[in-house]
């Protein structure tokens, strides 16, 4: 199952493909995804919002100082809605902007 999921994820386009994800079975059910709007950065669409760390009941969501506050708040609310028992905190990763947000990839 994990290999099938990994193989399916490898074929996804960089921006993502929610329809393709919905066809990937997870425990016999379709995967449920949610899109999070991200700002364009240097003419590309790489995201820090989806490169989160979840530890116990905490979600650490990377942001950059150039991110529009409304987009940051919308992303934070999306995580809070889907993980209601978790605290969602932002972490300023501006110093890694030259690496296009690659904190752990």
N, C-alpha and C. Protein backbone atom coordinates (compact mmCIF):
# COMPACT_ATOMS: atom_id res chain seq x y z
N UNK A 1 0.82 -1.19 0.00
CA UNK A 1 0.00 0.00 0.00
C UNK A 1 0.87 1.25 0.00
N UNK A 2 1.88 1.31 0.87
CA UNK A 2 2.74 2.49 0.94
C UNK A 2 3.49 2.69 -0.38
N UNK A 3 3.93 1.58 -0.99
CA UNK A 3 4.64 1.69 -2.27
C UNK A 3 3.71 2.24 -3.34
N UNK A 4 2.47 1.79 -3.37
CA UNK A 4 1.49 2.28 -4.35
C UNK A 4 1.27 3.78 -4.16
N UNK A 5 1.13 4.21 -2.93
CA UNK A 5 0.94 5.63 -2.64
C UNK A 5 2.16 6.43 -3.06
N UNK A 6 3.35 5.95 -2.73
CA UNK A 6 4.57 6.66 -3.09
C UNK A 6 4.70 6.76 -4.61
N UNK A 7 4.39 5.67 -5.31
CA UNK A 7 4.47 5.67 -6.77
C UNK A 7 3.47 6.68 -7.35
N UNK A 8 2.26 6.72 -6.82
CA UNK A 8 1.25 7.66 -7.30
C UNK A 8 1.67 9.09 -7.04
N UNK A 9 2.25 9.36 -5.90
CA UNK A 9 2.67 10.72 -5.57
C UNK A 9 3.82 11.18 -6.45
N UNK A 10 4.69 10.25 -6.88
CA UNK A 10 5.81 10.62 -7.74
C UNK A 10 5.33 11.13 -9.09
N UNK A 11 4.18 10.66 -9.55
CA UNK A 11 3.69 11.05 -10.86
C UNK A 11 2.93 12.37 -10.86
N UNK A 12 2.72 12.96 -9.71
CA UNK A 12 1.96 14.20 -9.63
C UNK A 12 2.74 15.37 -10.18
N UNK A 13 2.03 16.30 -10.79
CA UNK A 13 2.67 17.52 -11.26
C UNK A 13 3.05 18.37 -10.06
N UNK A 14 4.02 19.29 -10.22
CA UNK A 14 4.47 20.11 -9.08
C UNK A 14 3.35 20.87 -8.38
N UNK A 15 2.38 21.40 -9.11
CA UNK A 15 1.32 22.16 -8.47
C UNK A 15 0.34 21.22 -7.77
N UNK A 16 0.31 19.98 -8.16
CA UNK A 16 -0.58 19.01 -7.53
C UNK A 16 -1.71 18.62 -8.44
N UNK A 17 -2.34 17.52 -8.15
CA UNK A 17 -3.43 17.03 -8.97
C UNK A 17 -4.41 16.36 -8.04
N UNK A 18 -5.37 17.13 -7.55
CA UNK A 18 -6.34 16.63 -6.57
C UNK A 18 -7.15 15.47 -7.13
N UNK A 19 -7.50 15.53 -8.41
CA UNK A 19 -8.29 14.45 -9.01
C UNK A 19 -7.52 13.13 -8.98
N UNK A 20 -6.23 13.18 -9.28
CA UNK A 20 -5.41 11.96 -9.26
C UNK A 20 -5.26 11.44 -7.83
N UNK A 21 -5.06 12.35 -6.87
CA UNK A 21 -4.97 11.93 -5.47
C UNK A 21 -6.25 11.25 -5.00
N UNK A 22 -7.39 11.74 -5.45
CA UNK A 22 -8.67 11.17 -5.03
C UNK A 22 -8.83 9.72 -5.49
N UNK A 23 -8.06 9.32 -6.51
CA UNK A 23 -8.13 7.93 -6.99
C UNK A 23 -7.15 7.00 -6.28
N UNK A 24 -6.33 7.54 -5.38
CA UNK A 24 -5.36 6.71 -4.65
C UNK A 24 -6.07 6.15 -3.42
N UNK A 25 -6.23 4.83 -3.34
CA UNK A 25 -6.91 4.28 -2.16
C UNK A 25 -6.04 4.29 -0.92
N UNK A 26 -6.61 4.71 0.17
CA UNK A 26 -5.95 4.69 1.47
C UNK A 26 -6.91 3.99 2.42
N UNK A 27 -6.51 2.82 2.88
CA UNK A 27 -7.36 1.98 3.72
C UNK A 27 -8.72 1.75 3.06
N UNK A 28 -8.69 1.52 1.73
CA UNK A 28 -9.90 1.19 0.99
C UNK A 28 -10.79 2.38 0.65
N UNK A 29 -10.37 3.58 0.98
CA UNK A 29 -11.17 4.78 0.69
C UNK A 29 -10.34 5.74 -0.14
N UNK A 30 -10.99 6.61 -0.93
CA UNK A 30 -10.22 7.60 -1.69
C UNK A 30 -9.53 8.58 -0.76
N UNK A 31 -8.34 9.03 -1.17
CA UNK A 31 -7.62 10.03 -0.40
C UNK A 31 -8.41 11.34 -0.46
N UNK A 32 -8.50 12.01 0.66
CA UNK A 32 -9.20 13.28 0.74
C UNK A 32 -8.16 14.39 0.85
N UNK A 33 -8.13 15.26 -0.14
CA UNK A 33 -7.14 16.34 -0.13
C UNK A 33 -7.83 17.69 -0.01
N UNK A 34 -7.04 18.69 0.29
CA UNK A 34 -7.54 20.06 0.37
C UNK A 34 -6.49 20.98 -0.22
N UNK A 35 -6.91 21.84 -1.12
CA UNK A 35 -5.99 22.80 -1.73
C UNK A 35 -5.77 23.98 -0.79
N UNK A 36 -4.54 24.43 -0.73
CA UNK A 36 -4.19 25.62 0.03
C UNK A 36 -3.58 26.60 -0.95
N UNK A 37 -4.17 27.79 -1.05
CA UNK A 37 -3.63 28.81 -1.94
C UNK A 37 -2.26 29.25 -1.46
N UNK A 38 -1.36 29.43 -2.42
CA UNK A 38 0.00 29.88 -2.10
C UNK A 38 0.35 31.05 -3.01
N UNK A 39 1.16 31.97 -2.53
CA UNK A 39 1.56 33.09 -3.38
C UNK A 39 2.64 32.66 -4.38
N UNK A 40 2.66 33.33 -5.53
CA UNK A 40 3.75 33.09 -6.49
C UNK A 40 5.04 33.64 -5.89
N UNK A 41 6.11 32.89 -6.09
CA UNK A 41 7.41 33.32 -5.58
C UNK A 41 8.42 33.23 -6.71
N UNK A 42 8.97 34.35 -7.07
CA UNK A 42 10.00 34.39 -8.12
C UNK A 42 9.53 33.70 -9.40
N UNK A 43 8.24 33.89 -9.73
CA UNK A 43 7.68 33.32 -10.96
C UNK A 43 7.38 31.83 -10.89
N UNK A 44 7.47 31.23 -9.71
CA UNK A 44 7.18 29.80 -9.55
C UNK A 44 6.11 29.63 -8.47
N UNK A 45 5.72 28.39 -8.22
CA UNK A 45 4.64 28.12 -7.26
C UNK A 45 5.06 27.15 -6.18
N UNK A 46 6.25 27.26 -5.66
CA UNK A 46 6.65 26.39 -4.56
C UNK A 46 6.03 26.92 -3.27
N UNK A 47 5.78 26.02 -2.36
CA UNK A 47 5.02 26.37 -1.16
C UNK A 47 5.76 26.02 0.11
N UNK A 48 5.61 26.88 1.07
CA UNK A 48 6.10 26.52 2.40
C UNK A 48 4.95 25.99 3.25
N UNK A 49 3.72 26.42 2.94
CA UNK A 49 2.57 26.08 3.78
C UNK A 49 2.32 24.57 3.86
N UNK A 50 2.69 23.84 2.82
CA UNK A 50 2.42 22.41 2.82
C UNK A 50 3.60 21.58 3.32
N UNK A 51 4.67 22.22 3.69
CA UNK A 51 5.86 21.54 4.21
C UNK A 51 5.88 21.69 5.73
N UNK A 52 4.81 21.20 6.35
CA UNK A 52 4.64 21.39 7.80
C UNK A 52 5.30 20.26 8.59
N UNK A 53 5.47 20.51 9.86
CA UNK A 53 5.87 19.48 10.81
C UNK A 53 4.70 19.30 11.78
N UNK A 54 4.27 18.06 11.95
CA UNK A 54 3.23 17.75 12.93
C UNK A 54 3.88 16.91 14.02
N UNK A 55 3.82 17.41 15.24
CA UNK A 55 4.40 16.72 16.38
C UNK A 55 3.41 16.77 17.54
N UNK A 56 2.97 15.59 17.96
CA UNK A 56 1.96 15.51 19.02
C UNK A 56 0.75 16.33 18.62
N UNK A 57 0.42 17.37 19.36
CA UNK A 57 -0.76 18.18 19.03
C UNK A 57 -0.35 19.55 18.48
N UNK A 58 0.81 19.64 17.85
CA UNK A 58 1.32 20.89 17.31
C UNK A 58 1.59 20.77 15.82
N UNK A 59 1.16 21.77 15.05
CA UNK A 59 1.47 21.88 13.62
C UNK A 59 2.33 23.12 13.46
N UNK A 60 3.55 22.95 12.94
CA UNK A 60 4.44 24.07 12.65
C UNK A 60 4.38 24.34 11.15
N UNK A 61 3.86 25.51 10.78
CA UNK A 61 3.66 25.86 9.38
C UNK A 61 4.66 26.94 8.97
N UNK A 62 5.59 26.61 8.06
CA UNK A 62 6.57 27.60 7.60
C UNK A 62 5.90 28.72 6.80
N UNK A 63 6.40 29.95 6.98
CA UNK A 63 5.94 31.10 6.21
C UNK A 63 7.16 31.95 5.86
N UNK A 64 6.96 32.91 4.95
CA UNK A 64 8.00 33.88 4.60
C UNK A 64 7.48 35.27 4.88
N UNK A 65 8.38 36.20 5.15
CA UNK A 65 7.95 37.56 5.50
C UNK A 65 7.22 38.25 4.35
N UNK A 66 7.37 37.76 3.13
CA UNK A 66 6.69 38.36 1.97
C UNK A 66 5.30 37.77 1.72
N UNK A 67 4.90 36.77 2.49
CA UNK A 67 3.59 36.13 2.30
C UNK A 67 2.47 37.08 2.71
N UNK A 68 1.44 37.20 1.88
CA UNK A 68 0.30 38.04 2.26
C UNK A 68 -0.36 37.49 3.52
N UNK A 69 -0.57 38.33 4.53
CA UNK A 69 -1.16 37.86 5.79
C UNK A 69 -2.48 37.11 5.62
N UNK A 70 -3.29 37.52 4.64
CA UNK A 70 -4.58 36.83 4.44
C UNK A 70 -4.36 35.40 3.96
N UNK A 71 -3.34 35.15 3.14
CA UNK A 71 -3.06 33.79 2.67
C UNK A 71 -2.51 32.94 3.80
N UNK A 72 -1.65 33.53 4.63
CA UNK A 72 -1.11 32.80 5.78
C UNK A 72 -2.24 32.39 6.70
N UNK A 73 -3.14 33.31 6.98
CA UNK A 73 -4.27 33.01 7.88
C UNK A 73 -5.19 31.97 7.27
N UNK A 74 -5.44 32.03 5.97
CA UNK A 74 -6.29 31.02 5.31
C UNK A 74 -5.66 29.63 5.42
N UNK A 75 -4.34 29.55 5.21
CA UNK A 75 -3.65 28.26 5.34
C UNK A 75 -3.69 27.76 6.78
N UNK A 76 -3.48 28.67 7.72
CA UNK A 76 -3.53 28.29 9.14
C UNK A 76 -4.93 27.77 9.50
N UNK A 77 -5.96 28.43 9.02
CA UNK A 77 -7.34 27.98 9.29
C UNK A 77 -7.63 26.62 8.65
N UNK A 78 -7.06 26.39 7.46
CA UNK A 78 -7.27 25.09 6.79
C UNK A 78 -6.72 23.95 7.64
N UNK A 79 -5.52 24.14 8.20
CA UNK A 79 -4.96 23.11 9.08
C UNK A 79 -5.78 22.97 10.35
N UNK A 80 -6.20 24.07 10.91
CA UNK A 80 -6.98 24.04 12.16
C UNK A 80 -8.31 23.33 11.94
N UNK A 81 -8.93 23.55 10.78
CA UNK A 81 -10.21 22.90 10.47
C UNK A 81 -10.04 21.38 10.37
N UNK A 82 -8.95 20.95 9.75
CA UNK A 82 -8.74 19.52 9.55
C UNK A 82 -8.08 18.83 10.73
N UNK A 83 -7.43 19.60 11.58
CA UNK A 83 -6.79 19.06 12.78
C UNK A 83 -7.25 19.89 13.98
N UNK A 84 -8.53 19.79 14.34
CA UNK A 84 -9.10 20.68 15.36
C UNK A 84 -8.48 20.56 16.75
N UNK A 85 -7.86 19.44 17.06
CA UNK A 85 -7.25 19.26 18.38
C UNK A 85 -5.78 19.66 18.41
N UNK A 86 -5.32 20.27 17.33
CA UNK A 86 -3.92 20.68 17.22
C UNK A 86 -3.79 22.20 17.31
N UNK A 87 -2.68 22.65 17.85
CA UNK A 87 -2.33 24.06 17.82
C UNK A 87 -1.52 24.29 16.55
N UNK A 88 -1.86 25.32 15.77
CA UNK A 88 -1.16 25.62 14.52
C UNK A 88 -0.35 26.89 14.72
N UNK A 89 0.96 26.76 14.61
CA UNK A 89 1.87 27.88 14.80
C UNK A 89 2.66 28.12 13.51
N UNK A 90 2.96 29.37 13.22
CA UNK A 90 3.78 29.69 12.06
C UNK A 90 5.24 29.86 12.48
N UNK A 91 6.13 29.54 11.54
CA UNK A 91 7.57 29.68 11.76
C UNK A 91 8.13 30.46 10.57
N UNK A 92 8.76 31.61 10.83
CA UNK A 92 9.32 32.43 9.76
C UNK A 92 10.56 31.75 9.19
N UNK A 93 10.47 31.39 7.91
CA UNK A 93 11.57 30.69 7.24
C UNK A 93 12.21 31.57 6.16
N UNK A 94 12.07 32.88 6.30
CA UNK A 94 12.57 33.81 5.29
C UNK A 94 14.04 33.57 4.97
N UNK A 95 14.82 33.19 5.96
CA UNK A 95 16.25 32.97 5.72
C UNK A 95 16.50 31.81 4.75
N UNK A 96 15.52 30.95 4.53
CA UNK A 96 15.67 29.83 3.59
C UNK A 96 15.01 30.10 2.24
N UNK A 97 14.58 31.32 2.01
CA UNK A 97 13.88 31.63 0.77
C UNK A 97 14.72 31.31 -0.46
N UNK A 98 16.02 31.52 -0.39
CA UNK A 98 16.89 31.21 -1.53
C UNK A 98 16.85 29.73 -1.89
N UNK A 99 16.48 28.89 -0.94
CA UNK A 99 16.37 27.44 -1.18
C UNK A 99 14.96 27.05 -1.60
N UNK A 100 14.11 28.02 -1.88
CA UNK A 100 12.71 27.82 -2.27
C UNK A 100 11.95 27.02 -1.22
N UNK A 101 12.20 27.35 0.03
CA UNK A 101 11.44 26.76 1.11
C UNK A 101 11.83 25.36 1.51
N UNK A 102 12.87 24.81 0.92
CA UNK A 102 13.26 23.43 1.21
C UNK A 102 13.90 23.33 2.58
N UNK A 103 13.07 23.06 3.55
CA UNK A 103 13.50 22.93 4.93
C UNK A 103 13.98 21.52 5.20
N UNK A 104 13.28 20.52 4.66
CA UNK A 104 13.64 19.14 4.99
C UNK A 104 13.59 18.21 3.79
N UNK A 105 13.32 18.72 2.61
CA UNK A 105 13.18 17.85 1.43
C UNK A 105 14.52 17.36 0.93
